[in-house]
PDB file of N, CA and C in Angstrom:
ATOM      1  N   MET A   1       6.018  -8.392 -20.662  1.00  0.00           N
ATOM      2  CA  MET A   1       6.725  -9.628 -20.368  1.00  0.00           C
ATOM      3  C   MET A   1       7.235 -10.215 -21.283  1.00  0.00           C
ATOM      4  N   SER A   2       8.405 -10.636 -21.713  1.00  0.00           N
ATOM      5  CA  SER A   2       9.215 -11.311 -22.491  1.00  0.00           C
ATOM      6  C   SER A   2       9.001 -12.956 -22.501  1.00  0.00           C
ATOM      7  N   THR A   3       8.755 -13.312 -23.749  1.00  0.00           N
ATOM      8  CA  THR A   3       8.661 -14.903 -23.952  1.00  0.00           C
ATOM      9  C   THR A   3      10.092 -15.418 -24.230  1.00  0.00           C
ATOM     10  N   LYS A   4      10.896 -14.593 -24.718  1.00  0.00           N
ATOM     11  CA  LYS A   4      12.231 -14.836 -25.239  1.00  0.00           C
ATOM     12  C   LYS A   4      13.179 -15.639 -24.386  1.00  0.00           C
ATOM     13  N   ASP A   5      13.670 -17.101 -24.892  1.00  0.00           N
ATOM     14  CA  ASP A   5      14.744 -17.689 -23.894  1.00  0.00           C
ATOM     15  C   ASP A   5      16.062 -17.305 -24.870  1.00  0.00           C
ATOM     16  N   ILE A   6      16.628 -16.483 -24.217  1.00  0.00           N
ATOM     17  CA  ILE A   6      17.766 -15.849 -24.927  1.00  0.00           C
ATOM     18  C   ILE A   6      19.339 -16.846 -25.071  1.00  0.00           C
ATOM     19  N   MET A   7      19.512 -17.557 -26.203  1.00  0.00           N
ATOM     20  CA  MET A   7      20.903 -18.158 -26.209  1.00  0.00           C
ATOM     21  C   MET A   7      22.153 -17.805 -26.331  1.00  0.00           C
ATOM     22  N   LYS A   8      22.056 -16.766 -26.990  1.00  0.00           N
ATOM     23  CA  LYS A   8      23.325 -15.869 -27.324  1.00  0.00           C
ATOM     24  C   LYS A   8      22.740 -14.345 -27.805  1.00  0.00           C
ATOM     25  N   GLN A   9      23.477 -13.217 -27.427  1.00  0.00           N
ATOM     26  CA  GLN A   9      23.443 -11.723 -27.650  1.00  0.00           C
ATOM     27  C   GLN A   9      24.499 -11.242 -27.590  1.00  0.00           C
ATOM     28  N   HIS A  10      24.436  -9.996 -28.205  1.00  0.00           N
ATOM     29  CA  HIS A  10      25.517  -8.743 -28.331  1.00  0.00           C
ATOM     30  C   HIS A  10      25.219  -7.958 -28.458  1.00  0.00           C
ATOM     31  N   PHE A  11      25.695  -6.606 -27.809  1.00  0.00           N
ATOM     32  CA  PHE A  11      25.282  -5.542 -28.310  1.00  0.00           C
ATOM     33  C   PHE A  11      26.413  -4.418 -28.244  1.00  0.00           C
ATOM     34  N   GLU A  12      26.570  -3.376 -29.258  1.00  0.00           N
ATOM     35  CA  GLU A  12      27.620  -2.383 -29.045  1.00  0.00           C
ATOM     36  C   GLU A  12      26.921  -1.065 -29.187  1.00  0.00           C
ATOM     37  N   LYS A  13      27.211  -0.612 -28.209  1.00  0.00           N
ATOM     38  CA  LYS A  13      26.865   0.691 -27.757  1.00  0.00           C
ATOM     39  C   LYS A  13      26.954   1.594 -28.732  1.00  0.00           C
ATOM     40  N   ASP A  14      28.170   1.821 -29.204  1.00  0.00           N
ATOM     41  CA  ASP A  14      28.568   2.823 -30.395  1.00  0.00           C
ATOM     42  C   ASP A  14      28.039   3.042 -31.551  1.00  0.00           C
ATOM     43  N   THR A  15      27.565   1.865 -31.985  1.00  0.00           N
ATOM     44  CA  THR A  15      27.369   1.582 -33.246  1.00  0.00           C
ATOM     45  C   THR A  15      25.681   1.580 -33.270  1.00  0.00           C
ATOM     46  N   GLY A  16      25.149   0.785 -32.245  1.00  0.00           N
ATOM     47  CA  GLY A  16      23.862   0.562 -31.888  1.00  0.00           C
ATOM     48  C   GLY A  16      23.297  -1.023 -32.772  1.00  0.00           C
ATOM     49  N   ARG A  17      24.560  -1.654 -33.093  1.00  0.00           N
ATOM     50  CA  ARG A  17      24.499  -2.932 -33.760  1.00  0.00           C
ATOM     51  C   ARG A  17      23.948  -3.914 -32.879  1.00  0.00           C
ATOM     52  N   SER A  18      23.089  -4.998 -32.976  1.00  0.00           N
ATOM     53  CA  SER A  18      23.141  -5.838 -31.972  1.00  0.00           C
ATOM     54  C   SER A  18      22.570  -7.293 -32.368  1.00  0.00           C
ATOM     55  N   PHE A  19      22.603  -8.298 -31.770  1.00  0.00           N
ATOM     56  CA  PHE A  19      21.792  -9.621 -32.181  1.00  0.00           C
ATOM     57  C   PHE A  19      21.466 -10.510 -31.090  1.00  0.00           C
ATOM     58  N   GLN A  20      20.333 -11.298 -31.363  1.00  0.00           N
ATOM     59  CA  GLN A  20      20.029 -12.152 -30.157  1.00  0.00           C
ATOM     60  C   GLN A  20      19.587 -13.388 -31.221  1.00  0.00           C
ATOM     61  N   ILE A  21      20.000 -14.338 -30.680  1.00  0.00           N
ATOM     62  CA  ILE A  21      19.172 -15.655 -31.051  1.00  0.00           C
ATOM     63  C   ILE A  21      18.748 -16.274 -29.955  1.00  0.00           C
ATOM     64  N   TYR A  22      17.410 -16.771 -30.119  1.00  0.00           N
ATOM     65  CA  TYR A  22      16.534 -16.868 -28.833  1.00  0.00           C
ATOM     66  C   TYR A  22      15.494 -18.139 -29.343  1.00  0.00           C
ATOM     67  N   TYR A  23      14.950 -18.812 -28.688  1.00  0.00           N
ATOM     68  CA  TYR A  23      13.837 -19.176 -28.482  1.00  0.00           C
ATOM     69  C   TYR A  23      12.630 -18.916 -27.990  1.00  0.00           C
ATOM     70  N   GLU A  24      11.655 -18.866 -28.545  1.00  0.00           N
ATOM     71  CA  GLU A  24      10.354 -18.132 -28.210  1.00  0.00           C
ATOM     72  C   GLU A  24       9.697 -19.393 -27.163  1.00  0.00           C
ATOM     73  N   MET A  25       9.393 -19.535 -25.781  1.00  0.00           N
ATOM     74  CA  MET A  25       8.846 -19.938 -24.807  1.00  0.00           C
ATOM     75  C   MET A  25       7.945 -20.831 -25.022  1.00  0.00           C
ATOM     76  N   LEU A  26       7.180 -19.928 -25.480  1.00  0.00           N
ATOM     77  CA  LEU A  26       5.443 -20.315 -25.818  1.00  0.00           C
ATOM     78  C   LEU A  26       5.384 -21.387 -27.579  1.00  0.00           C
ATOM     79  N   ASP A  27       6.640 -21.062 -27.991  1.00  0.00           N
ATOM     80  CA  ASP A  27       6.288 -21.955 -29.338  1.00  0.00           C
ATOM     81  C   ASP A  27       6.503 -23.333 -28.793  1.00  0.00           C
ATOM     82  N   GLU A  28       5.518 -24.370 -29.353  1.00  0.00           N
ATOM     83  CA  GLU A  28       5.612 -25.793 -29.249  1.00  0.00           C
ATOM     84  C   GLU A  28       6.939 -26.560 -30.012  1.00  0.00           C
ATOM     85  N   GLY A  29       7.358 -25.795 -30.992  1.00  0.00           N
ATOM     86  CA  GLY A  29       8.557 -26.324 -31.933  1.00  0.00           C
ATOM     87  C   GLY A  29       9.639 -26.163 -31.490  1.00  0.00           C
ATOM     88  N   ASP A  30      10.787 -26.411 -32.326  1.00  0.00           N
ATOM     89  CA  ASP A  30      12.060 -26.278 -31.996  1.00  0.00           C
ATOM     90  C   ASP A  30      12.716 -24.944 -32.567  1.00  0.00           C
ATOM     91  N   ASP A  31      12.091 -24.167 -33.441  1.00  0.00           N
ATOM     92  CA  ASP A  31      12.424 -22.928 -33.858  1.00  0.00           C
ATOM     93  C   ASP A  31      13.341 -21.968 -33.056  1.00  0.00           C
ATOM     94  N   VAL A  32      14.483 -21.659 -34.101  1.00  0.00           N
ATOM     95  CA  VAL A  32      15.195 -20.453 -33.146  1.00  0.00           C
ATOM     96  C   VAL A  32      15.185 -19.627 -34.211  1.00  0.00           C
ATOM     97  N   TYR A  33      14.945 -18.018 -33.349  1.00  0.00           N
ATOM     98  CA  TYR A  33      15.158 -17.012 -33.537  1.00  0.00           C
ATOM     99  C   TYR A  33      16.434 -16.414 -33.890  1.00  0.00           C
ATOM    100  N   LEU A  34      16.535 -15.599 -34.779  1.00  0.00           N
ATOM    101  CA  LEU A  34      17.863 -14.528 -34.990  1.00  0.00           C
ATOM    102  C   LEU A  34      17.292 -13.104 -35.299  1.00  0.00           C
ATOM    103  N   GLU A  35      17.515 -12.446 -34.383  1.00  0.00           N
ATOM    104  CA  GLU A  35      17.107 -11.034 -34.601  1.00  0.00           C
ATOM    105  C   GLU A  35      18.264 -10.046 -34.849  1.00  0.00           C
ATOM    106  N   LEU A  36      18.344  -9.422 -35.699  1.00  0.00           N
ATOM    107  CA  LEU A  36      19.427  -8.212 -35.857  1.00  0.00           C
ATOM    108  C   LEU A  36      18.991  -6.833 -36.103  1.00  0.00           C
ATOM    109  N   GLU A  37      19.479  -5.974 -35.206  1.00  0.00           N
ATOM    110  CA  GLU A  37      19.340  -4.818 -35.224  1.00  0.00           C
ATOM    111  C   GLU A  37      20.364  -3.679 -35.788  1.00  0.00           C
ATOM    112  N   GLY A  38      20.223  -2.763 -36.474  1.00  0.00           N
ATOM    113  CA  GLY A  38      21.369  -2.018 -36.949  1.00  0.00           C
ATOM    114  C   GLY A  38      22.115  -2.226 -38.389  1.00  0.00           C
ATOM    115  N   PHE A  39      21.532  -3.228 -38.905  1.00  0.00           N
ATOM    116  CA  PHE A  39      22.133  -3.662 -40.008  1.00  0.00           C
ATOM    117  C   PHE A  39      21.300  -3.696 -41.475  1.00  0.00           C
ATOM    118  N   HIS A  40      21.795  -3.606 -42.863  1.00  0.00           N
ATOM    119  CA  HIS A  40      20.983  -3.182 -43.815  1.00  0.00           C
ATOM    120  C   HIS A  40      20.640  -4.886 -44.178  1.00  0.00           C
ATOM    121  N   PHE A  41      19.444  -4.637 -44.613  1.00  0.00           N
ATOM    122  CA  PHE A  41      18.760  -6.166 -45.034  1.00  0.00           C
ATOM    123  C   PHE A  41      18.017  -5.931 -46.521  1.00  0.00           C
ATOM    124  N   GLU A  42      17.646  -6.771 -47.233  1.00  0.00           N
ATOM    125  CA  GLU A  42      16.962  -6.792 -48.020  1.00  0.00           C
ATOM    126  C   GLU A  42      15.646  -8.151 -48.074  1.00  0.00           C
ATOM    127  N   ALA A  43      14.495  -7.645 -48.173  1.00  0.00           N
ATOM    128  CA  ALA A  43      13.545  -8.706 -48.175  1.00  0.00           C
ATOM    129  C   ALA A  43      12.434  -8.809 -49.272  1.00  0.00           C
ATOM    130  N   ALA A  44      12.072  -9.830 -49.833  1.00  0.00           N
ATOM    131  CA  ALA A  44      11.089 -10.047 -50.605  1.00  0.00           C
ATOM    132  C   ALA A  44      10.088 -10.872 -50.411  1.00  0.00           C
ATOM    133  N   SER A  45       8.512 -10.103 -50.044  1.00  0.00           N
ATOM    134  CA  SER A  45       7.544 -11.211 -50.138  1.00  0.00           C
ATOM    135  C   SER A  45       7.022 -12.317 -51.067  1.00  0.00           C
ATOM    136  N   ALA A  46       6.436 -13.250 -50.471  1.00  0.00           N
ATOM    137  CA  ALA A  46       5.937 -14.121 -51.806  1.00  0.00           C
ATOM    138  C   ALA A  46       5.127 -13.577 -52.787  1.00  0.00           C
ATOM    139  N   GLY A  47       5.797 -13.985 -53.821  1.00  0.00           N
ATOM    140  CA  GLY A  47       5.530 -13.362 -55.243  1.00  0.00           C
ATOM    141  C   GLY A  47       5.796 -11.900 -55.609  1.00  0.00           C
ATOM    142  N   GLY A  48       6.446 -11.416 -54.732  1.00  0.00           N
ATOM    143  CA  GLY A  48       7.265 -10.023 -54.768  1.00  0.00           C
ATOM    144  C   GLY A  48       8.693  -9.921 -55.993  1.00  0.00           C
ATOM    145  N   VAL A  49       9.242  -8.875 -56.060  1.00  0.00           N
ATOM    146  CA  VAL A  49      10.296  -9.058 -56.522  1.00  0.00           C
ATOM    147  C   VAL A  49      11.138  -9.279 -55.958  1.00  0.00           C
ATOM    148  N   GLY A  50      12.200 -10.134 -56.316  1.00  0.00           N
ATOM    149  CA  GLY A  50      13.298 -10.801 -55.432  1.00  0.00           C
ATOM    150  C   GLY A  50      13.051 -12.063 -54.452  1.00  0.00           C
ATOM    151  N   ALA A  51      11.540 -12.348 -54.710  1.00  0.00           N
ATOM    152  CA  ALA A  51      11.556 -13.695 -53.751  1.00  0.00           C
ATOM    153  C   ALA A  51      11.580 -15.087 -54.789  1.00  0.00           C
ATOM    154  N   VAL A  52      11.870 -15.719 -54.360  1.00  0.00           N
ATOM    155  CA  VAL A  52      12.380 -17.132 -54.906  1.00  0.00           C
ATOM    156  C   VAL A  52      11.779 -18.001 -55.285  1.00  0.00           C
ATOM    157  N   ASN A  53      11.191 -18.331 -56.374  1.00  0.00           N
ATOM    158  CA  ASN A  53      10.078 -19.522 -56.663  1.00  0.00           C
ATOM    159  C   ASN A  53       9.024 -19.348 -56.131  1.00  0.00           C
ATOM    160  N   GLY A  54       8.739 -18.074 -55.525  1.00  0.00           N
ATOM    161  CA  GLY A  54       7.479 -17.397 -54.867  1.00  0.00           C
ATOM    162  C   GLY A  54       7.661 -17.816 -53.069  1.00  0.00           C
ATOM    163  N   ARG A  55       8.763 -17.844 -52.924  1.00  0.00           N
ATOM    164  CA  ARG A  55       8.717 -18.176 -51.469  1.00  0.00           C
ATOM    165  C   ARG A  55       9.533 -16.941 -50.887  1.00  0.00           C
ATOM    166  N   PRO A  56       8.870 -16.345 -49.940  1.00  0.00           N
ATOM    167  CA  PRO A  56       9.928 -15.072 -49.249  1.00  0.00           C
ATOM    168  C   PRO A  56      11.171 -15.192 -48.967  1.00  0.00           C
ATOM    169  N   CYS A  57      11.645 -14.134 -49.035  1.00  0.00           N
ATOM    170  CA  CYS A  57      13.400 -14.385 -49.144  1.00  0.00           C
ATOM    171  C   CYS A  57      14.125 -13.280 -48.185  1.00  0.00           C
ATOM    172  N   LEU A  58      14.891 -13.259 -47.303  1.00  0.00           N
ATOM    173  CA  LEU A  58      15.625 -12.037 -46.499  1.00  0.00           C
ATOM    174  C   LEU A  58      16.939 -12.154 -46.867  1.00  0.00           C
ATOM    175  N   VAL A  59      17.665 -11.213 -46.909  1.00  0.00           N
ATOM    176  CA  VAL A  59      18.899 -11.423 -47.131  1.00  0.00           C
ATOM    177  C   VAL A  59      19.570 -10.061 -46.336  1.00  0.00           C
ATOM    178  N   VAL A  60      20.286 -10.544 -44.886  1.00  0.00           N
ATOM    179  CA  VAL A  60      21.014  -9.555 -44.149  1.00  0.00           C
ATOM    180  C   VAL A  60      22.457  -9.615 -44.240  1.00  0.00           C
ATOM    181  N   GLN A  61      23.201  -8.316 -44.395  1.00  0.00           N
ATOM    182  CA  GLN A  61      24.280  -7.939 -44.782  1.00  0.00           C
ATOM    183  C   GLN A  61      24.919  -7.495 -43.535  1.00  0.00           C
ATOM    184  N   LEU A  62      25.797  -8.269 -43.285  1.00  0.00           N
ATOM    185  CA  LEU A  62      26.661  -8.331 -41.849  1.00  0.00           C
ATOM    186  C   LEU A  62      28.383  -8.088 -42.191  1.00  0.00           C
ATOM    187  N   PRO A  63      28.639  -7.402 -41.499  1.00  0.00           N
ATOM    188  CA  PRO A  63      30.361  -7.218 -41.295  1.00  0.00           C
ATOM    189  C   PRO A  63      30.742  -8.564 -40.899  1.00  0.00           C
ATOM    190  N   ARG A  64      32.017  -9.005 -41.355  1.00  0.00           N
ATOM    191  CA  ARG A  64      32.634 -10.410 -41.036  1.00  0.00           C
ATOM    192  C   ARG A  64      32.793 -10.223 -39.247  1.00  0.00           C
ATOM    193  N   GLU A  65      32.950  -9.501 -38.724  1.00  0.00           N
ATOM    194  CA  GLU A  65      33.353  -9.426 -37.308  1.00  0.00           C
ATOM    195  C   GLU A  65      31.807  -9.880 -36.742  1.00  0.00           C
ATOM    196  N   TRP A  66      31.006  -9.088 -37.333  1.00  0.00           N
ATOM    197  CA  TRP A  66      29.588  -9.621 -36.724  1.00  0.00           C
ATOM    198  C   TRP A  66      29.437 -11.109 -37.273  1.00  0.00           C
ATOM    199  N   ALA A  67      29.543 -11.552 -38.137  1.00  0.00           N
ATOM    200  CA  ALA A  67      29.232 -12.973 -38.308  1.00  0.00           C
ATOM    201  C   ALA A  67      29.869 -14.013 -37.533  1.00  0.00           C
ATOM    202  N   GLN A  68      31.204 -13.317 -37.049  1.00  0.00           N
ATOM    203  CA  GLN A  68      32.446 -14.204 -36.081  1.00  0.00           C
ATOM    204  C   GLN A  68      31.598 -14.202 -34.969  1.00  0.00           C
ATOM    205  N   LYS A  69      30.929 -12.928 -34.258  1.00  0.00           N
ATOM    206  CA  LYS A  69      30.524 -12.762 -33.134  1.00  0.00           C
ATOM    207  C   LYS A  69      29.458 -13.777 -32.883  1.00  0.00           C
ATOM    208  N   ILE A  70      28.464 -13.947 -33.930  1.00  0.00           N
ATOM    209  CA  ILE A  70      27.338 -14.616 -33.608  1.00  0.00           C
ATOM    210  C   ILE A  70      27.506 -15.986 -34.275  1.00  0.00           C
ATOM    211  N   GLY A  71      29.083 -16.460 -34.545  1.00  0.00           N
ATOM    212  CA  GLY A  71      29.155 -17.719 -34.746  1.00  0.00           C
ATOM    213  C   GLY A  71      29.066 -18.670 -36.147  1.00  0.00           C
ATOM    214  N   LEU A  72      28.729 -17.626 -37.120  1.00  0.00           N
ATOM    215  CA  LEU A  72      28.492 -17.995 -38.458  1.00  0.00           C
ATOM    216  C   LEU A  72      29.906 -18.478 -39.209  1.00  0.00           C
ATOM    217  N   VAL A  73      30.911 -17.745 -39.041  1.00  0.00           N
ATOM    218  CA  VAL A  73      32.078 -18.008 -39.389  1.00  0.00           C
ATOM    219  C   VAL A  73      33.181 -18.146 -38.732  1.00  0.00           C
ATOM    220  N   ASP A  74      34.238 -18.554 -38.855  1.00  0.00           N
ATOM    221  CA  ASP A  74      35.300 -18.911 -37.823  1.00  0.00           C
ATOM    222  C   ASP A  74      36.132 -17.934 -37.861  1.00  0.00           C
ATOM    223  N   ASN A  75      36.830 -17.506 -36.688  1.00  0.00           N
ATOM    224  CA  ASN A  75      38.095 -16.361 -36.842  1.00  0.00           C
ATOM    225  C   ASN A  75      38.957 -16.746 -37.529  1.00  0.00           C
ATOM    226  N   MET A  76      38.563 -16.401 -38.924  1.00  0.00           N
ATOM    227  CA  MET A  76      39.847 -16.705 -39.957  1.00  0.00           C
ATOM    228  C   MET A  76      39.974 -15.142 -40.757  1.00  0.00           C
ATOM    229  N   PRO A  77      41.383 -15.175 -40.949  1.00  0.00           N
ATOM    230  CA  PRO A  77      41.628 -13.720 -41.581  1.00  0.00           C
ATOM    231  C   PRO A  77      40.676 -13.660 -42.929  1.00  0.00           C
ATOM    232  N   LYS A  78      40.658 -12.475 -43.130  1.00  0.00           N
ATOM    233  CA  LYS A  78      39.760 -12.033 -44.552  1.00  0.00           C
ATOM    234  C   LYS A  78      40.632 -12.583 -45.601  1.00  0.00           C
ATOM    235  N   ARG A  79      39.897 -13.104 -46.729  1.00  0.00           N
ATOM    236  CA  ARG A  79      40.502 -13.480 -47.643  1.00  0.00           C
ATOM    237  C   ARG A  79      41.609 -12.164 -48.806  1.00  0.00           C
ATOM    238  N   PRO A  80      42.475 -12.661 -49.038  1.00  0.00           N
ATOM    239  CA  PRO A  80      43.330 -11.564 -49.518  1.00  0.00           C
ATOM    240  C   PRO A  80      42.916 -11.120 -50.952  1.00  0.00           C
ATOM    241  N   TRP A  81      41.729 -12.314 -51.791  1.00  0.00           N
ATOM    242  CA  TRP A  81      41.664 -11.771 -53.391  1.00  0.00           C
ATOM    243  C   TRP A  81      40.309 -12.561 -52.970  1.00  0.00           C
ATOM    244  N   PRO A  82      39.742 -12.214 -54.220  1.00  0.00           N
ATOM    245  CA  PRO A  82      38.211 -12.726 -54.700  1.00  0.00           C
ATOM    246  C   PRO A  82      38.169 -14.437 -54.901  1.00  0.00           C
ATOM    247  N   SER A  83      37.267 -14.740 -54.212  1.00  0.00           N
ATOM    248  CA  SER A  83      37.369 -16.199 -54.278  1.00  0.00           C
ATOM    249  C   SER A  83      36.986 -16.792 -55.803  1.00  0.00           C
ATOM    250  N   GLY A  84      36.744 -16.104 -56.717  1.00  0.00           N
ATOM    251  CA  GLY A  84      36.484 -16.516 -58.038  1.00  0.00           C
ATOM    252  C   GLY A  84      34.878 -17.289 -58.150  1.00  0.00           C
ATOM    253  N   ASP A  85      34.508 -17.564 -56.914  1.00  0.00           N
ATOM    254  CA  ASP A  85      33.037 -18.196 -56.926  1.00  0.00           C
ATOM    255  C   ASP A  85      31.829 -17.143 -57.264  1.00  0.00           C
ATOM    256  N   THR A  86      31.393 -17.657 -58.580  1.00  0.00           N
ATOM    257  CA  THR A  86      30.259 -16.570 -59.307  1.00  0.00           C
ATOM    258  C   THR A  86      28.721 -17.274 -59.085  1.00  0.00           C
ATOM    259  N   GLU A  87      28.796 -18.134 -58.383  1.00  0.00           N
ATOM    260  CA  GLU A  87      27.723 -18.717 -57.949  1.00  0.00           C
ATOM    261  C   GLU A  87      26.667 -17.742 -57.269  1.00  0.00           C
ATOM    262  N   ASN A  88      25.279 -18.042 -58.173  1.00  0.00           N
ATOM    263  CA  ASN A  88      24.388 -16.892 -57.444  1.00  0.00           C
ATOM    264  C   ASN A  88      23.973 -17.475 -55.967  1.00  0.00           C
ATOM    265  N   SER A  89      23.397 -16.507 -55.515  1.00  0.00           N
ATOM    266  CA  SER A  89      22.392 -16.730 -54.283  1.00  0.00           C
ATOM    267  C   SER A  89      21.043 -17.148 -54.651  1.00  0.00           C
ATOM    268  N   ASN A  90      20.446 -17.638 -53.666  1.00  0.00           N
ATOM    269  CA  ASN A  90      18.909 -18.351 -54.136  1.00  0.00           C
ATOM    270  C   ASN A  90      18.086 -16.921 -53.934  1.00  0.00           C
ATOM    271  N   CYS A  91      18.326 -15.940 -53.441  1.00  0.00           N
ATOM    272  CA  CYS A  91      17.852 -14.829 -52.985  1.00  0.00           C
ATOM    273  C   CYS A  91      18.077 -13.768 -54.180  1.00  0.00           C
TER     274      CYS A  91
END
């Protein structure tokens, strides 16, 4: 029996990619969980290579259309050129 209260989800049968955004009903806090399946990711545990200031770090590489499906970016056209932004990620 699942304790997930799913807020948003999507599944693509042909690629096997999916996401769920959900609450855990038994959690007392207001945390929201993002579960991704079928995507490349990089992770570093606290103190490991890639960890930031000793904190765990997770980077998930999403195609733009999936970021749109999840609601992370607007339905805007792709940039026709690089942004020139060279700021590094915290991960």
